Every structure is written in structure tokens, then in C-alpha cells.
Amino acid sequence: MKEINASGNKSKSTVSDPTNLQLLRALQAEPRLPLSELARRVGMSAPAVRERLQRLEESGVITGYRLELDPKALGLPVMAIVRLRPMPGQLQRVVELVRETPTVSECHRVTGEDCFIMKLHLASIADLDQALDRFLVHATTTTSIVQSSPVPPRPLPLG
């Protein structure tokens, strides 16, 4: 990623800077680290670290901070991956339905025979019918129930 200056030109690389990489690695490992601890770890003042983080946010390297919840602890033990292939002329309606469906936690537009892959979290297998029925008028679906996740969500690799 490149930092973009006010004129829209890419200036210096923000992720090739060793200190920025240290900050990003520390935040990936422990997103709730206090600014003072981040500063101590990289050997800088807290205001200097705050400024670096602000630049990383402004340049789009850091896009947000998230709270991760365990779906099972929330009563949603069933995860399904659904491939969607919209009927002719139904692409936009399928997008709207995906956005309106609260059990959809992710959706990606993909290449290949299907147009979308979405991830749903459900209370039971019985709830899957209700979730899929919303789409069946507008798309064909292919569903897989997730048995386990040998690679759970993890941070992106940093150089």
C-alpha cells in the first residue's frame, strides 16, 4: 500500500517502514494495546505513534478496528457457505437480499459459474431453509455446512 498525499499522488510506502510494520504486528497480535504500550514497544513517544497510526488509517492501510464474537456463544453454532448464481436480471435483487439478511456475515462476488459466495451463521439446520428460501426465487444455491475450521480467521501476513 502507498500513502496518498493531498494531490492524490502516491508518495512513500507506509508498510515498508520498519516501525510501521512493528506497530501493525503489535496491533494484529493485541488490538487493544494502549497507545503508551505501543510506543514503548517501538521506542517512540505516544504522540509520534498516534501520528503514525493516523497516517496508516488515512492511507487506508488500517481500515478499522473490530470486535470478534464467537457465533456459538451467541447461539449460532451452524455455519454454512452458500454459492449463489442469480437468475437472469436478478443480480441486483440478490445483492439487496444478501445485504438485508442478518444471518449473512460475509459475502463475496466471485469469478466462475457462481456470482457470490456468502457465509451464514444460524441457530440450527432448520433455520437454513428459511434463510435460503429468500433467495430461491432469484438465484440457484449450492450449500455446504461447515464441520470445522482448521484455519480460523487470522491476520494478514506482513512483510
Protein backbone atom coordinates (compact mmCIF):
# COMPACT_ATOMS: atom_id res chain seq x y z
CA MET A 1 0.00 0.00 0.00
CA LYS A 2 1.15 3.51 -0.70
CA GLU A 3 0.35 6.63 1.24
CA ILE A 4 -1.53 9.13 -0.93
CA ASN A 5 -0.77 12.80 -0.50
CA ALA A 6 -3.26 15.68 -0.86
CA SER A 7 -2.77 15.85 -4.63
CA GLY A 8 -3.76 12.19 -4.96
CA ASN A 9 -0.23 11.03 -5.84
CA LYS A 10 1.32 8.06 -4.14
CA SER A 11 4.23 9.21 -2.02
CA LYS A 12 6.15 6.96 0.35
CA SER A 13 5.30 3.40 1.20
CA THR A 14 3.77 3.21 4.67
CA VAL A 15 4.02 -0.55 5.11
CA SER A 16 7.66 -0.92 4.14
CA ASP A 17 8.67 1.32 7.05
CA PRO A 18 10.06 -0.99 9.80
CA THR A 19 8.43 0.98 12.62
CA ASN A 20 5.04 0.90 10.92
CA LEU A 21 5.44 -2.85 10.46
CA GLN A 22 6.23 -3.21 14.17
CA LEU A 23 3.11 -1.22 15.04
CA LEU A 24 0.92 -3.26 12.70
CA ARG A 25 2.26 -6.57 14.01
CA ALA A 26 1.70 -5.49 17.61
CA LEU A 27 -1.86 -4.39 16.85
CA GLN A 28 -2.61 -7.61 14.97
CA ALA A 29 -1.49 -9.64 17.97
CA GLU A 30 -3.19 -7.42 20.55
CA PRO A 31 -5.62 -4.88 19.01
CA ARG A 32 -6.45 -3.37 22.41
CA LEU A 33 -2.89 -2.41 23.33
CA PRO A 34 -2.79 1.02 24.93
CA LEU A 35 -1.01 3.71 22.95
CA SER A 36 1.58 4.03 25.71
CA GLU A 37 2.45 0.31 25.43
CA LEU A 38 2.66 0.52 21.62
CA ALA A 39 5.01 3.49 21.98
CA ARG A 40 7.18 1.60 24.48
CA ARG A 41 7.43 -1.41 22.19
CA VAL A 42 8.64 0.61 19.20
CA GLY A 43 10.77 3.04 21.22
CA MET A 44 8.84 6.20 20.34
CA SER A 45 6.68 8.74 22.14
CA ALA A 46 2.94 8.19 22.35
CA PRO A 47 2.19 11.31 20.22
CA ALA A 48 4.56 10.06 17.49
CA VAL A 49 2.87 6.64 17.50
CA ARG A 50 -0.59 8.27 17.41
CA GLU A 51 0.52 10.30 14.37
CA ARG A 52 1.83 7.18 12.60
CA LEU A 53 -1.40 5.29 13.29
CA GLN A 54 -3.41 8.24 11.99
CA ARG A 55 -1.35 8.22 8.76
CA LEU A 56 -1.87 4.45 8.42
CA GLU A 57 -5.62 4.99 8.83
CA GLU A 58 -5.74 7.92 6.39
CA SER A 59 -3.78 5.99 3.76
CA GLY A 60 -6.18 3.05 4.03
CA VAL A 61 -3.72 0.53 5.47
CA ILE A 62 -5.73 0.39 8.72
CA THR A 63 -9.39 0.30 7.73
CA GLY A 64 -10.94 -0.20 11.15
CA TYR A 65 -10.90 -1.99 14.46
CA ARG A 66 -13.19 -4.95 15.06
CA LEU A 67 -14.72 -6.85 17.88
CA GLU A 68 -14.64 -10.61 17.28
CA LEU A 69 -17.50 -12.62 18.72
CA ASP A 70 -17.90 -16.38 19.00
CA PRO A 71 -21.03 -17.33 17.00
CA LYS A 72 -21.53 -20.47 19.12
CA ALA A 73 -21.56 -18.40 22.31
CA LEU A 74 -24.27 -16.25 20.71
CA GLY A 75 -26.44 -19.30 19.97
CA LEU A 76 -25.40 -19.60 16.31
CA PRO A 77 -23.50 -22.92 16.15
CA VAL A 78 -24.23 -23.70 12.49
CA MET A 79 -22.08 -22.09 9.80
CA ALA A 80 -22.96 -22.55 6.15
CA ILE A 81 -21.17 -21.48 3.00
CA VAL A 82 -23.59 -20.80 0.15
CA ARG A 83 -22.75 -20.28 -3.50
CA LEU A 84 -25.31 -18.12 -5.32
CA ARG A 85 -25.99 -17.96 -9.04
CA PRO A 86 -28.57 -15.23 -9.77
CA MET A 87 -31.24 -15.85 -12.40
CA PRO A 88 -31.04 -13.57 -15.47
CA GLY A 89 -31.80 -9.99 -14.48
CA GLN A 90 -31.78 -10.78 -10.74
CA LEU A 91 -28.21 -9.83 -9.81
CA GLN A 92 -29.12 -6.54 -8.10
CA ARG A 93 -32.04 -8.12 -6.23
CA VAL A 94 -29.72 -10.86 -4.92
CA VAL A 95 -27.28 -8.17 -3.71
CA GLU A 96 -30.15 -6.44 -1.90
CA LEU A 97 -31.30 -9.70 -0.27
CA VAL A 98 -27.78 -10.52 0.89
CA ARG A 99 -27.44 -7.09 2.48
CA GLU A 100 -30.86 -7.43 4.17
CA THR A 101 -30.23 -10.90 5.61
CA PRO A 102 -28.85 -10.57 9.15
CA THR A 103 -27.53 -14.15 9.27
CA VAL A 104 -25.10 -13.37 6.41
CA SER A 105 -21.77 -12.46 7.99
CA GLU A 106 -19.77 -12.28 4.74
CA CYS A 107 -20.48 -12.17 1.04
CA HIS A 108 -18.03 -12.01 -1.84
CA ARG A 109 -18.60 -11.55 -5.56
CA VAL A 110 -16.50 -14.19 -7.31
CA THR A 111 -15.50 -15.40 -10.74
CA GLY A 112 -16.66 -18.71 -12.15
CA GLU A 113 -20.10 -20.21 -12.57
CA ASP A 114 -21.43 -18.69 -9.36
CA CYS A 115 -21.54 -14.94 -8.76
CA PHE A 116 -21.45 -14.86 -4.97
CA ILE A 117 -20.19 -16.84 -2.02
CA MET A 118 -21.74 -15.99 1.33
CA LYS A 119 -21.24 -17.18 4.88
CA LEU A 120 -24.21 -17.59 7.17
CA HIS A 121 -24.38 -18.23 10.92
CA LEU A 122 -27.54 -19.96 12.11
CA ALA A 123 -29.10 -21.30 15.29
CA SER A 124 -30.00 -24.62 13.66
CA ILE A 125 -30.06 -26.54 10.40
CA ALA A 126 -33.82 -25.93 10.33
CA ASP A 127 -33.12 -22.19 10.06
CA LEU A 128 -31.16 -22.83 6.87
CA ASP A 129 -34.37 -23.49 4.88
CA GLN A 130 -35.82 -20.16 5.92
CA ALA A 131 -32.60 -18.32 5.07
CA LEU A 132 -32.27 -19.96 1.64
CA ASP A 133 -35.96 -19.60 0.75
CA ARG A 134 -35.44 -15.84 0.48
CA PHE A 135 -33.01 -16.42 -2.40
CA LEU A 136 -34.58 -19.30 -4.33
CA VAL A 137 -36.91 -17.11 -6.42
CA HIS A 138 -33.94 -15.03 -7.57
CA ALA A 139 -30.98 -17.44 -7.61
CA THR A 140 -29.87 -21.04 -7.50
CA THR A 141 -27.92 -22.01 -4.42
CA THR A 142 -25.35 -24.62 -3.51
CA THR A 143 -24.86 -25.03 0.22
CA SER A 144 -22.11 -26.56 2.34
CA ILE A 145 -22.33 -26.92 6.11
CA VAL A 146 -19.02 -26.13 7.82
CA GLN A 147 -17.88 -29.03 10.01
CA SER A 148 -14.72 -27.40 11.35
CA SER A 149 -12.33 -24.58 10.58
CA PRO A 150 -8.70 -25.76 10.56
CA VAL A 151 -7.63 -22.20 9.70
CA PRO A 152 -9.81 -19.73 11.57
CA PRO A 153 -9.70 -16.05 10.59
CA ARG A 154 -6.17 -14.81 11.09
CA PRO A 155 -4.23 -11.61 10.48
CA LEU A 156 -2.86 -10.84 7.04
CA PRO A 157 0.83 -11.58 6.55
CA LEU A 158 3.07 -8.54 6.92
CA GLY A 159 6.36 -8.34 5.00
